[in-house]
Amino acid sequence: MNVVYSLWHVYRMEHTDYFDEKAIGTYSDLELAKATIEQLKDLVGFVDYPDGFRIYECELDKPGWTDGFDPTKPPEEPWHHAGQIGRRVEF
């Protein structure tokens, strides 16, 4: 199985119901994704939301989104877009 690791940062915007989702990068190795978190975690913005980093393991050449969606139903979690592309990795 060929996989890559997709690094995202997500946080709830203050005083709103909106979430900000940033696709930071895609890596060939889990350790590279973790190293990027270490590089970013103390920078402006990221330092205020250190728990916002998410890493997803994504299998190449396979769709991550395999079913439809209901545009009237809110997502179960704010990072649902990222979650559709792969399995979340705990780190």
C-alpha atoms as a PDB file:
ATOM      1  CA  MET A   1       0.000   0.000   0.000  1.00  0.00           C
ATOM      2  CA  ASN A   2       1.399   3.386  -1.026  1.00  0.00           C
ATOM      3  CA  VAL A   3       0.501   6.161   1.406  1.00  0.00           C
ATOM      4  CA  VAL A   4       1.223   9.828   1.968  1.00  0.00           C
ATOM      5  CA  TYR A   5       0.542  11.985   5.001  1.00  0.00           C
ATOM      6  CA  SER A   6      -1.604  15.089   4.681  1.00  0.00           C
ATOM      7  CA  LEU A   7      -0.981  17.771   7.312  1.00  0.00           C
ATOM      8  CA  TRP A   8      -3.803  20.171   8.217  1.00  0.00           C
ATOM      9  CA  HIS A   9      -4.411  22.835  10.840  1.00  0.00           C
ATOM     10  CA  VAL A  10      -7.978  23.504  12.037  1.00  0.00           C
ATOM     11  CA  TYR A  11      -9.406  25.848  14.644  1.00  0.00           C
ATOM     12  CA  ARG A  12     -12.727  27.477  15.533  1.00  0.00           C
ATOM     13  CA  MET A  13     -12.692  31.179  14.703  1.00  0.00           C
ATOM     14  CA  GLU A  14     -13.416  33.284  17.773  1.00  0.00           C
ATOM     15  CA  HIS A  15     -16.998  34.465  18.320  1.00  0.00           C
ATOM     16  CA  THR A  16     -18.311  32.483  15.331  1.00  0.00           C
ATOM     17  CA  ASP A  17     -19.489  29.021  14.398  1.00  0.00           C
ATOM     18  CA  TYR A  18     -16.916  28.892  11.612  1.00  0.00           C
ATOM     19  CA  PHE A  19     -13.732  26.861  11.453  1.00  0.00           C
ATOM     20  CA  ASP A  20     -10.563  27.753   9.616  1.00  0.00           C
ATOM     21  CA  GLU A  21      -8.991  24.791   7.810  1.00  0.00           C
ATOM     22  CA  LYS A  22      -5.497  24.989   6.339  1.00  0.00           C
ATOM     23  CA  ALA A  23      -4.057  22.250   4.149  1.00  0.00           C
ATOM     24  CA  ILE A  24      -0.386  22.683   5.067  1.00  0.00           C
ATOM     25  CA  GLY A  25       1.307  19.980   3.027  1.00  0.00           C
ATOM     26  CA  THR A  26       1.541  16.387   1.902  1.00  0.00           C
ATOM     27  CA  TYR A  27       4.489  14.243   2.953  1.00  0.00           C
ATOM     28  CA  SER A  28       5.971  10.913   1.958  1.00  0.00           C
ATOM     29  CA  ASP A  29       6.863  10.118   5.562  1.00  0.00           C
ATOM     30  CA  LEU A  30       4.996  10.561   8.853  1.00  0.00           C
ATOM     31  CA  GLU A  31       8.123  11.878  10.562  1.00  0.00           C
ATOM     32  CA  LEU A  32       8.415  14.683   7.980  1.00  0.00           C
ATOM     33  CA  ALA A  33       4.846  15.770   8.739  1.00  0.00           C
ATOM     34  CA  LYS A  34       5.606  15.754  12.468  1.00  0.00           C
ATOM     35  CA  ALA A  35       8.792  17.763  11.864  1.00  0.00           C
ATOM     36  CA  THR A  36       6.758  20.389  10.018  1.00  0.00           C
ATOM     37  CA  ILE A  37       4.486  20.727  13.040  1.00  0.00           C
ATOM     38  CA  GLU A  38       7.571  21.357  15.155  1.00  0.00           C
ATOM     39  CA  GLN A  39       8.647  24.091  12.708  1.00  0.00           C
ATOM     40  CA  LEU A  40       5.231  25.777  12.698  1.00  0.00           C
ATOM     41  CA  LYS A  41       3.903  25.355  16.247  1.00  0.00           C
ATOM     42  CA  ASP A  42       5.557  28.503  17.661  1.00  0.00           C
ATOM     43  CA  LEU A  43       4.698  30.800  14.746  1.00  0.00           C
ATOM     44  CA  VAL A  44       2.051  33.527  14.877  1.00  0.00           C
ATOM     45  CA  GLY A  45      -1.438  32.028  14.844  1.00  0.00           C
ATOM     46  CA  PHE A  46      -0.351  28.419  15.227  1.00  0.00           C
ATOM     47  CA  VAL A  47       0.995  29.128  18.714  1.00  0.00           C
ATOM     48  CA  ASP A  48      -2.519  30.130  19.805  1.00  0.00           C
ATOM     49  CA  TYR A  49      -4.050  26.851  18.582  1.00  0.00           C
ATOM     50  CA  PRO A  50      -1.438  24.133  19.183  1.00  0.00           C
ATOM     51  CA  ASP A  51      -4.060  21.358  19.215  1.00  0.00           C
ATOM     52  CA  GLY A  52      -5.252  22.241  15.735  1.00  0.00           C
ATOM     53  CA  PHE A  53      -2.738  20.111  13.850  1.00  0.00           C
ATOM     54  CA  ARG A  54      -4.111  17.008  12.139  1.00  0.00           C
ATOM     55  CA  ILE A  55      -2.270  14.371  10.131  1.00  0.00           C
ATOM     56  CA  TYR A  56      -4.157  12.025   7.807  1.00  0.00           C
ATOM     57  CA  GLU A  57      -2.744   8.884   6.235  1.00  0.00           C
ATOM     58  CA  CYS A  58      -3.975   8.796   2.637  1.00  0.00           C
ATOM     59  CA  GLU A  59      -3.749   5.818   0.335  1.00  0.00           C
ATOM     60  CA  LEU A  60      -2.621   6.746  -3.164  1.00  0.00           C
ATOM     61  CA  ASP A  61      -4.716   5.995  -6.241  1.00  0.00           C
ATOM     62  CA  LYS A  62      -7.896   5.441  -4.217  1.00  0.00           C
ATOM     63  CA  PRO A  63     -10.689   7.914  -3.594  1.00  0.00           C
ATOM     64  CA  GLY A  64     -11.069   9.058  -0.018  1.00  0.00           C
ATOM     65  CA  TRP A  65     -14.596  10.307  -0.545  1.00  0.00           C
ATOM     66  CA  THR A  66     -16.683   7.330  -1.614  1.00  0.00           C
ATOM     67  CA  ASP A  67     -20.237   8.460  -0.932  1.00  0.00           C
ATOM     68  CA  GLY A  68     -22.388  11.506  -1.525  1.00  0.00           C
ATOM     69  CA  PHE A  69     -23.147  14.324   0.889  1.00  0.00           C
ATOM     70  CA  ASP A  70     -26.143  16.215   2.193  1.00  0.00           C
ATOM     71  CA  PRO A  71     -25.497  19.968   1.806  1.00  0.00           C
ATOM     72  CA  THR A  72     -28.219  20.730   4.370  1.00  0.00           C
ATOM     73  CA  LYS A  73     -26.602  18.662   7.126  1.00  0.00           C
ATOM     74  CA  PRO A  74     -23.696  20.153   9.094  1.00  0.00           C
ATOM     75  CA  PRO A  75     -20.545  18.059   9.302  1.00  0.00           C
ATOM     76  CA  GLU A  76     -19.960  15.972  12.410  1.00  0.00           C
ATOM     77  CA  GLU A  77     -16.589  17.614  12.900  1.00  0.00           C
ATOM     78  CA  PRO A  78     -15.141  20.778  11.338  1.00  0.00           C
ATOM     79  CA  TRP A  79     -12.333  19.032   9.516  1.00  0.00           C
ATOM     80  CA  HIS A  80     -14.683  16.673   7.681  1.00  0.00           C
ATOM     81  CA  HIS A  81     -13.082  17.597   4.354  1.00  0.00           C
ATOM     82  CA  ALA A  82      -9.695  16.343   5.508  1.00  0.00           C
ATOM     83  CA  GLY A  83     -11.202  13.313   7.175  1.00  0.00           C
ATOM     84  CA  GLN A  84     -12.677  12.178   3.892  1.00  0.00           C
ATOM     85  CA  ILE A  85      -9.239  11.842   2.350  1.00  0.00           C
ATOM     86  CA  GLY A  86      -7.708   9.461   4.834  1.00  0.00           C
ATOM     87  CA  ARG A  87      -7.381   7.962   8.287  1.00  0.00           C
ATOM     88  CA  ARG A  88      -6.418  10.388  11.054  1.00  0.00           C
ATOM     89  CA  VAL A  89      -3.056   9.563  12.629  1.00  0.00           C
ATOM     90  CA  GLU A  90      -2.625  10.071  16.354  1.00  0.00           C
ATOM     91  CA  PHE A  91       0.755  11.553  17.280  1.00  0.00           C
END
